[in-house]
Amino acid sequence: MTMRRINVAILVLLLVAFLIVLQRNLLNLNDFLRHEGPETAPGALLPFEPDFAAKHKADGTRTGLEIPVVITAAEERLGAAVAAMNSVYRNSKSNIVFNIVTLNDSVDHLRAWMSKADLKGVKHKIITFEPKILQGKISNDPKKRDEVKPLTFARYYMPMFLPSVEKAIYLDDDVIVQGDIQELFDTNLKAGHAAAFSDDCDSASSKGIVRGAGNQNNYIGFLDFKKEAIKKLGMRAATCSFNPGVIVANLTEWKTQNITTQLEQWMERNVKDDLYSKTLAESVTTPPLLIVFYKRYSSIDPLWHVRHLGSTGAANRYSVQFLNAAKLLHWNGHYKPWGRRSSFSDVWDKWYIPDPLDKFHPIRRHSEDK
């Protein structure tokens, strides 16, 4: 009898020791993801996001396979991300999970917004992005600092944010979705393709191409074809470019092909050799993607990425009827729908949810006239 009690006591002690070791390993892993330098992870999921499990149970009508949507949320543009997510969520009955990538300083503000009544049922995870991972990969030139926002590169690191996910959607924050996101998620990616994009020469948006700032609908508008490193690639300068503001990604294929590493290598080459076009008017995230995905990507239905609403004269390019038929609207360009001079800002206004902390304020002409 005594021996049996001793054996039981030993088993209990072993179990306690195992649980202590397991807890320490989990805590160390979390600390590792949060604080290691650029050689490790670009971001970390906040593991104790309030009510995340409850939110999964709360919306019982949203069943089926999850649709992971990655979107960035910069402090000065949190309202944009919220409006975009609201439009996605309200126009679909699919089981959507938003993976919101932000900087550490914006987490509390974002949480306050996502806790509002209008967003209570929205499933989401907050991921903090570590800008240190971009050291040596972007220019330190003070004149270009405004062009280089760390979160714009978050799309490069999707497989690290979603390590167990096979397929995901990336959206820029200056979009509004009018169709069912399930349709975009079901975009067919050809074998060997890690992503699908919208061509800048597609029929829906080609009339909205930016003029007067280089040829922004083909490769020569983004890359300097006089540079030897670009010449050696054998790419045609007149090849139609694509817009990476909407991406349907096969993350399994992305990891297999080491897409993230390839993108980082071209970023580093640009810092040394200045490979981007001098007339580059669009995002600095585009040139590395154009190189890595040259003739190796699938296409998105043009109505799922109607672009250039943020460009000069956008109101004259698209009819109201056409915009109503579009599945996704993108205000890429200088004029954003929360700004004073944007076209079709009334469409964006329908999905905007006011800031509970009263920091983000859309600018409207009538408000300035008061």
Protein backbone atom coordinates (compact mmCIF):
# COMPACT_ATOMS: atom_id res chain seq x y z
CA MET A 1 0.00 0.00 0.00
CA THR A 2 2.85 2.37 0.94
CA MET A 3 4.66 1.63 -2.33
CA ARG A 4 1.52 2.42 -4.32
CA ARG A 5 1.19 5.83 -2.62
CA ILE A 6 4.83 6.57 -3.36
CA ASN A 7 4.30 5.71 -7.06
CA VAL A 8 1.24 7.95 -7.23
CA ALA A 9 3.14 10.78 -5.57
CA ILE A 10 5.99 10.40 -8.06
CA LEU A 11 3.56 10.50 -10.99
CA VAL A 12 1.92 13.64 -9.64
CA LEU A 13 5.31 15.34 -9.24
CA LEU A 14 6.32 14.39 -12.77
CA LEU A 15 3.06 15.76 -14.15
CA VAL A 16 3.51 19.05 -12.29
CA ALA A 17 7.09 19.34 -13.53
CA PHE A 18 5.96 18.68 -17.11
CA LEU A 19 3.29 21.38 -16.89
CA ILE A 20 5.80 23.90 -15.49
CA VAL A 21 8.26 23.18 -18.33
CA LEU A 22 5.46 23.45 -20.91
CA GLN A 23 4.32 26.80 -19.53
CA ARG A 24 7.87 28.20 -19.58
CA ASN A 25 8.38 27.06 -23.17
CA LEU A 26 5.18 28.75 -24.28
CA LEU A 27 6.10 31.97 -22.50
CA ASN A 28 9.58 31.89 -24.01
CA LEU A 29 8.14 31.33 -27.48
CA ASN A 30 5.85 34.32 -27.11
CA ASP A 31 8.72 36.48 -25.87
CA PHE A 32 10.87 35.25 -28.75
CA LEU A 33 8.30 36.27 -31.34
CA ARG A 34 7.79 39.67 -29.75
CA HIS A 35 11.32 40.80 -29.10
CA GLU A 36 13.78 39.09 -31.45
CA GLY A 37 15.47 41.13 -34.14
CA PRO A 38 14.93 41.16 -37.91
CA GLU A 39 16.58 37.77 -38.37
CA THR A 40 13.59 36.11 -36.74
CA ALA A 41 9.95 37.17 -36.96
CA PRO A 42 8.40 40.36 -38.41
CA GLY A 43 5.40 40.27 -36.13
CA ALA A 44 3.61 38.46 -33.35
CA LEU A 45 0.02 37.52 -32.77
CA LEU A 46 -1.32 38.94 -29.54
CA PRO A 47 -2.26 35.59 -27.96
CA PHE A 48 -4.76 36.87 -25.43
CA GLU A 49 -6.90 39.03 -27.70
CA PRO A 50 -10.01 39.77 -25.55
CA ASP A 51 -13.10 37.75 -26.36
CA PHE A 52 -11.56 36.15 -29.46
CA ALA A 53 -12.90 32.69 -28.59
CA ALA A 54 -16.26 34.16 -27.66
CA LYS A 55 -16.48 35.95 -30.98
CA HIS A 56 -15.98 32.67 -32.80
CA LYS A 57 -19.03 31.29 -31.00
CA ALA A 58 -21.14 34.43 -31.05
CA ASP A 59 -21.84 34.57 -34.77
CA GLY A 60 -23.37 31.15 -35.28
CA THR A 61 -24.59 31.97 -38.79
CA ARG A 62 -21.01 32.14 -40.08
CA THR A 63 -19.92 28.57 -40.57
CA GLY A 64 -17.73 26.69 -43.01
CA LEU A 65 -14.08 27.11 -43.81
CA GLU A 66 -12.45 30.28 -42.57
CA ILE A 67 -11.49 32.98 -45.04
CA PRO A 68 -8.33 34.65 -43.71
CA VAL A 69 -8.10 38.31 -44.71
CA VAL A 70 -4.90 40.26 -44.01
CA ILE A 71 -5.14 44.04 -43.73
CA THR A 72 -2.83 46.67 -42.26
CA ALA A 73 -3.90 49.36 -39.82
CA ALA A 74 -1.57 52.34 -39.50
CA GLU A 75 -2.42 54.78 -36.69
CA GLU A 76 -3.16 57.67 -39.06
CA ARG A 77 -5.35 55.38 -41.23
CA LEU A 78 -7.16 53.21 -38.68
CA GLY A 79 -10.50 54.55 -39.89
CA ALA A 80 -9.71 53.32 -43.39
CA ALA A 81 -8.98 49.77 -42.21
CA VAL A 82 -12.17 49.73 -40.12
CA ALA A 83 -14.31 50.90 -43.07
CA ALA A 84 -12.74 48.28 -45.34
CA MET A 85 -13.35 45.47 -42.84
CA ASN A 86 -16.91 46.62 -42.21
CA SER A 87 -17.66 46.51 -45.95
CA VAL A 88 -16.19 43.00 -46.26
CA TYR A 89 -18.09 41.72 -43.24
CA ARG A 90 -21.49 43.23 -44.09
CA ASN A 91 -21.48 42.00 -47.70
CA SER A 92 -20.81 38.34 -46.91
CA LYS A 93 -22.13 35.51 -44.78
CA SER A 94 -18.82 33.66 -45.00
CA ASN A 95 -16.67 32.72 -42.02
CA ILE A 96 -14.21 35.62 -42.26
CA VAL A 97 -11.28 36.15 -39.90
CA PHE A 98 -9.44 39.47 -40.19
CA ASN A 99 -5.73 39.39 -39.42
CA ILE A 100 -5.02 43.04 -38.65
CA VAL A 101 -1.34 43.98 -38.86
CA THR A 102 -0.43 47.12 -36.93
CA LEU A 103 2.37 48.70 -34.94
CA ASN A 104 2.60 48.24 -31.20
CA ASP A 105 1.65 51.88 -30.45
CA SER A 106 -1.70 51.46 -32.23
CA VAL A 107 -2.92 48.28 -30.51
CA ASP A 108 -5.00 49.96 -27.78
CA HIS A 109 -6.64 52.37 -30.22
CA LEU A 110 -7.47 49.51 -32.59
CA ARG A 111 -8.90 47.38 -29.80
CA ALA A 112 -11.18 50.23 -28.71
CA TRP A 113 -12.50 50.57 -32.26
CA MET A 114 -13.01 46.83 -32.77
CA SER A 115 -14.96 46.61 -29.50
CA LYS A 116 -17.67 48.98 -30.77
CA ALA A 117 -21.19 47.55 -31.12
CA ASP A 118 -21.06 47.67 -34.93
CA LEU A 119 -17.99 45.40 -34.92
CA LYS A 120 -18.78 43.11 -31.99
CA GLY A 121 -19.35 40.03 -34.13
CA VAL A 122 -16.29 40.49 -36.33
CA LYS A 123 -13.68 37.77 -35.83
CA HIS A 124 -10.21 39.23 -35.77
CA LYS A 125 -6.66 38.78 -34.61
CA ILE A 126 -4.25 41.64 -34.02
CA ILE A 127 -0.68 41.10 -35.20
CA THR A 128 2.09 43.50 -34.23
CA PHE A 129 4.63 44.27 -36.93
CA GLU A 130 8.29 44.78 -36.07
CA PRO A 131 9.79 47.48 -38.35
CA LYS A 132 13.33 46.37 -37.47
CA ILE A 133 12.98 43.57 -40.00
CA LEU A 134 13.23 46.24 -42.73
CA GLN A 135 16.69 47.44 -41.66
CA GLY A 136 19.01 47.41 -44.66
CA LYS A 137 16.07 46.81 -47.01
CA ILE A 138 14.66 50.33 -47.40
CA SER A 139 16.30 53.70 -48.02
CA ASN A 140 17.40 55.85 -45.10
CA ASP A 141 17.11 58.97 -47.26
CA PRO A 142 15.04 61.53 -45.25
CA LYS A 143 13.50 62.78 -48.52
CA LYS A 144 11.98 59.35 -49.16
CA ARG A 145 10.85 58.72 -45.58
CA ASP A 146 7.24 59.73 -46.28
CA GLU A 147 7.08 57.22 -49.14
CA VAL A 148 8.30 54.32 -47.01
CA LYS A 149 5.76 53.21 -44.43
CA PRO A 150 6.75 49.97 -42.63
CA LEU A 151 3.28 48.45 -42.75
CA THR A 152 3.14 48.65 -46.54
CA PHE A 153 5.64 45.78 -46.59
CA ALA A 154 3.52 43.56 -44.33
CA ARG A 155 2.09 41.77 -47.38
CA TYR A 156 5.55 40.29 -48.01
CA TYR A 157 5.36 38.41 -44.71
CA MET A 158 1.91 36.83 -44.87
CA PRO A 159 3.15 33.23 -44.40
CA MET A 160 4.85 34.26 -41.15
CA PHE A 161 1.67 35.85 -39.84
CA LEU A 162 -0.41 32.83 -40.88
CA PRO A 163 1.92 29.83 -40.57
CA SER A 164 -0.83 27.17 -40.73
CA VAL A 165 -2.95 28.80 -43.46
CA GLU A 166 -2.86 27.58 -47.06
CA LYS A 167 -4.75 30.39 -48.80
CA ALA A 168 -5.42 34.00 -47.81
CA ILE A 169 -6.51 37.38 -49.14
CA TYR A 170 -4.53 40.60 -48.68
CA LEU A 171 -6.34 43.96 -48.95
CA ASP A 172 -4.99 47.50 -48.88
CA ASP A 173 -6.79 49.68 -46.35
CA ASP A 174 -8.10 52.15 -48.97
CA VAL A 175 -10.61 49.72 -50.46
CA ILE A 176 -14.33 49.10 -50.11
CA VAL A 177 -15.75 45.67 -50.89
CA GLN A 178 -19.22 45.52 -52.42
CA GLY A 179 -19.34 41.82 -53.32
CA ASP A 180 -19.16 38.59 -51.34
CA ILE A 181 -15.51 38.06 -50.40
CA GLN A 182 -16.06 34.31 -50.83
CA GLU A 183 -16.07 34.89 -54.58
CA LEU A 184 -12.64 36.55 -54.46
CA PHE A 185 -11.32 33.82 -52.17
CA ASP A 186 -12.44 31.20 -54.70
CA THR A 187 -10.19 32.73 -57.38
CA ASN A 188 -8.44 29.87 -59.14
CA LEU A 189 -4.66 29.95 -58.90
CA LYS A 190 -2.82 27.98 -61.56
CA ALA A 191 -0.38 25.25 -60.56
CA GLY A 192 2.91 26.72 -59.42
CA HIS A 193 1.47 30.20 -58.87
CA ALA A 194 1.85 31.67 -55.38
CA ALA A 195 -0.46 34.63 -55.98
CA ALA A 196 -3.14 36.23 -58.12
CA PHE A 197 -3.19 39.97 -58.95
CA SER A 198 -5.11 42.38 -61.18
CA ASP A 199 -3.34 43.40 -64.38
CA ASP A 200 -2.98 47.14 -64.89
CA CYS A 201 -4.09 46.64 -68.49
CA ASP A 202 -7.36 44.90 -67.67
CA SER A 203 -10.51 46.27 -69.26
CA ALA A 204 -12.13 47.52 -66.06
CA SER A 205 -9.37 49.82 -64.81
CA SER A 206 -7.09 50.57 -67.78
CA LYS A 207 -8.93 53.81 -68.51
CA GLY A 208 -7.99 54.97 -65.02
CA ILE A 209 -4.23 54.61 -65.50
CA VAL A 210 -2.21 57.46 -64.07
CA ARG A 211 -0.75 59.64 -66.80
CA GLY A 212 1.98 62.22 -66.55
CA ALA A 213 4.00 60.26 -63.98
CA GLY A 214 5.67 57.69 -66.16
CA ASN A 215 4.10 54.62 -67.70
CA GLN A 216 2.41 53.28 -64.58
CA ASN A 217 0.70 50.43 -66.41
CA ASN A 218 3.87 48.60 -67.43
CA TYR A 219 7.20 47.52 -65.99
CA ILE A 220 9.22 50.48 -67.21
CA GLY A 221 7.09 52.72 -64.99
CA PHE A 222 8.39 50.91 -61.90
CA LEU A 223 11.90 49.68 -62.76
CA ASP A 224 15.00 51.32 -64.25
CA PHE A 225 15.78 49.23 -67.32
CA LYS A 226 19.10 51.04 -67.76
CA LYS A 227 20.47 49.27 -64.69
CA GLU A 228 22.50 46.12 -65.39
CA ALA A 229 20.77 44.07 -62.68
CA ILE A 230 17.40 44.69 -64.36
CA LYS A 231 18.74 44.09 -67.88
CA LYS A 232 20.07 40.68 -66.88
CA LEU A 233 16.61 39.50 -65.88
CA GLY A 234 15.48 39.56 -69.51
CA MET A 235 12.12 41.13 -68.72
CA ARG A 236 10.26 43.13 -71.36
CA ALA A 237 9.89 46.78 -70.33
CA ALA A 238 6.46 46.99 -72.00
CA THR A 239 5.07 44.06 -69.98
CA CYS A 240 1.82 44.99 -68.29
CA SER A 241 2.29 45.58 -64.56
CA PHE A 242 -0.10 44.57 -61.80
CA ASN A 243 -1.42 46.23 -58.66
CA PRO A 244 -0.63 44.46 -55.34
CA GLY A 245 -3.35 46.24 -53.37
CA VAL A 246 -5.46 43.09 -53.63
CA ILE A 247 -3.76 39.70 -53.49
CA VAL A 248 -5.14 36.18 -53.40
CA ALA A 249 -2.21 34.13 -52.11
CA ASN A 250 -1.39 30.44 -52.02
CA LEU A 251 0.77 30.61 -48.90
CA THR A 252 1.92 27.01 -49.23
CA GLU A 253 3.36 27.77 -52.66
CA TRP A 254 4.66 31.12 -51.36
CA LYS A 255 6.73 29.31 -48.73
CA THR A 256 7.88 26.58 -51.13
CA GLN A 257 9.24 29.18 -53.53
CA ASN A 258 10.77 31.32 -50.76
CA ILE A 259 8.92 34.37 -52.09
CA THR A 260 9.55 36.45 -48.97
CA THR A 261 13.30 35.88 -49.15
CA GLN A 262 13.36 36.78 -52.85
CA LEU A 263 11.47 40.00 -52.18
CA GLU A 264 13.86 40.95 -49.39
CA GLN A 265 16.87 40.32 -51.63
CA TRP A 266 15.55 42.72 -54.27
CA MET A 267 14.82 45.32 -51.61
CA GLU A 268 18.44 45.09 -50.49
CA ARG A 269 19.67 45.29 -54.09
CA ASN A 270 17.64 48.46 -54.61
CA VAL A 271 19.17 50.11 -51.53
CA LYS A 272 22.61 49.47 -53.03
CA ASP A 273 21.96 49.99 -56.75
CA ASP A 274 18.81 52.20 -56.95
CA LEU A 275 16.88 49.91 -59.28
CA TYR A 276 13.46 51.54 -59.17
CA SER A 277 12.22 53.91 -61.85
CA LYS A 278 12.82 57.61 -61.27
CA THR A 279 9.23 58.27 -62.34
CA LEU A 280 7.83 55.86 -59.76
CA ALA A 281 4.53 57.31 -58.59
CA GLU A 282 2.97 54.32 -56.91
CA SER A 283 3.93 52.26 -53.87
CA VAL A 284 7.57 51.29 -53.40
CA THR A 285 6.34 47.81 -52.51
CA THR A 286 5.42 47.12 -56.13
CA PRO A 287 8.83 46.81 -57.93
CA PRO A 288 10.14 43.76 -56.00
CA LEU A 289 6.80 42.01 -56.55
CA LEU A 290 6.95 42.73 -60.28
CA ILE A 291 10.39 41.11 -60.47
CA VAL A 292 9.62 38.03 -58.37
CA PHE A 293 6.24 37.35 -59.99
CA TYR A 294 7.21 38.18 -63.59
CA LYS A 295 4.83 36.10 -65.75
CA ARG A 296 4.27 33.77 -62.79
CA TYR A 297 0.94 34.81 -61.33
CA SER A 298 -2.77 34.18 -61.87
CA SER A 299 -5.36 36.86 -62.60
CA ILE A 300 -8.16 38.32 -60.50
CA ASP A 301 -11.52 39.15 -62.06
CA PRO A 302 -11.26 42.86 -63.06
CA LEU A 303 -14.48 43.72 -61.24
CA TRP A 304 -12.79 42.54 -58.04
CA HIS A 305 -10.23 45.32 -58.27
CA VAL A 306 -11.53 48.54 -59.81
CA ARG A 307 -8.70 50.99 -59.25
CA HIS A 308 -7.50 54.59 -59.53
CA LEU A 309 -10.43 56.12 -57.66
CA GLY A 310 -7.82 58.19 -55.82
CA SER A 311 -6.39 59.69 -59.01
CA THR A 312 -7.05 63.11 -60.53
CA GLY A 313 -10.23 63.10 -62.62
CA ALA A 314 -11.51 59.76 -61.30
CA ALA A 315 -15.07 61.11 -61.25
CA ASN A 316 -14.95 61.43 -65.05
CA ARG A 317 -13.60 57.94 -65.65
CA TYR A 318 -16.30 55.80 -64.06
CA SER A 319 -20.06 56.01 -64.19
CA VAL A 320 -22.14 55.51 -61.08
CA GLN A 321 -23.69 52.46 -62.72
CA PHE A 322 -20.29 50.89 -63.29
CA LEU A 323 -19.15 51.55 -59.72
CA ASN A 324 -22.35 50.00 -58.38
CA ALA A 325 -21.59 46.85 -60.37
CA ALA A 326 -17.97 46.67 -59.17
CA LYS A 327 -17.16 44.12 -56.47
CA LEU A 328 -14.19 46.00 -54.98
CA LEU A 329 -13.24 49.67 -55.21
CA HIS A 330 -9.68 50.89 -54.62
CA TRP A 331 -8.76 54.53 -53.98
CA ASN A 332 -5.12 54.08 -54.91
CA GLY A 333 -3.55 57.39 -55.79
CA HIS A 334 -3.11 60.67 -53.97
CA TYR A 335 -6.72 61.37 -52.98
CA LYS A 336 -8.16 59.11 -50.29
CA PRO A 337 -11.90 58.76 -49.59
CA TRP A 338 -11.51 60.12 -46.05
CA GLY A 339 -9.92 63.27 -47.48
CA ARG A 340 -11.51 66.46 -48.76
CA ARG A 341 -10.84 66.13 -52.51
CA SER A 342 -11.62 62.48 -53.16
CA SER A 343 -14.11 61.24 -55.73
CA PHE A 344 -16.93 58.95 -54.63
CA SER A 345 -16.28 59.53 -50.94
CA ASP A 346 -20.01 59.03 -50.35
CA VAL A 347 -19.54 55.34 -51.18
CA TRP A 348 -16.82 55.06 -48.54
CA ASP A 349 -18.86 57.02 -45.98
CA LYS A 350 -21.53 54.29 -45.92
CA TRP A 351 -19.07 51.88 -44.33
CA TYR A 352 -17.17 54.18 -42.01
CA ILE A 353 -17.64 53.69 -38.26
CA PRO A 354 -16.75 56.75 -36.12
CA ASP A 355 -13.68 56.59 -33.93
CA PRO A 356 -14.62 55.93 -30.28
CA LEU A 357 -11.51 57.85 -29.18
CA ASP A 358 -12.36 60.75 -31.51
CA LYS A 359 -8.88 60.87 -33.09
CA PHE A 360 -9.65 59.99 -36.72
CA HIS A 361 -11.81 62.51 -38.59
CA PRO A 362 -12.76 62.23 -42.28
CA ILE A 363 -12.38 65.65 -43.91
CA ARG A 364 -15.42 66.87 -45.79
CA ARG A 365 -16.03 70.19 -47.60
CA HIS A 366 -19.18 70.99 -45.65
CA SER A 367 -17.34 70.51 -42.34
CA GLU A 368 -14.65 73.01 -43.41
CA ASP A 369 -17.23 75.61 -44.40
CA LYS A 370 -18.72 75.78 -40.91
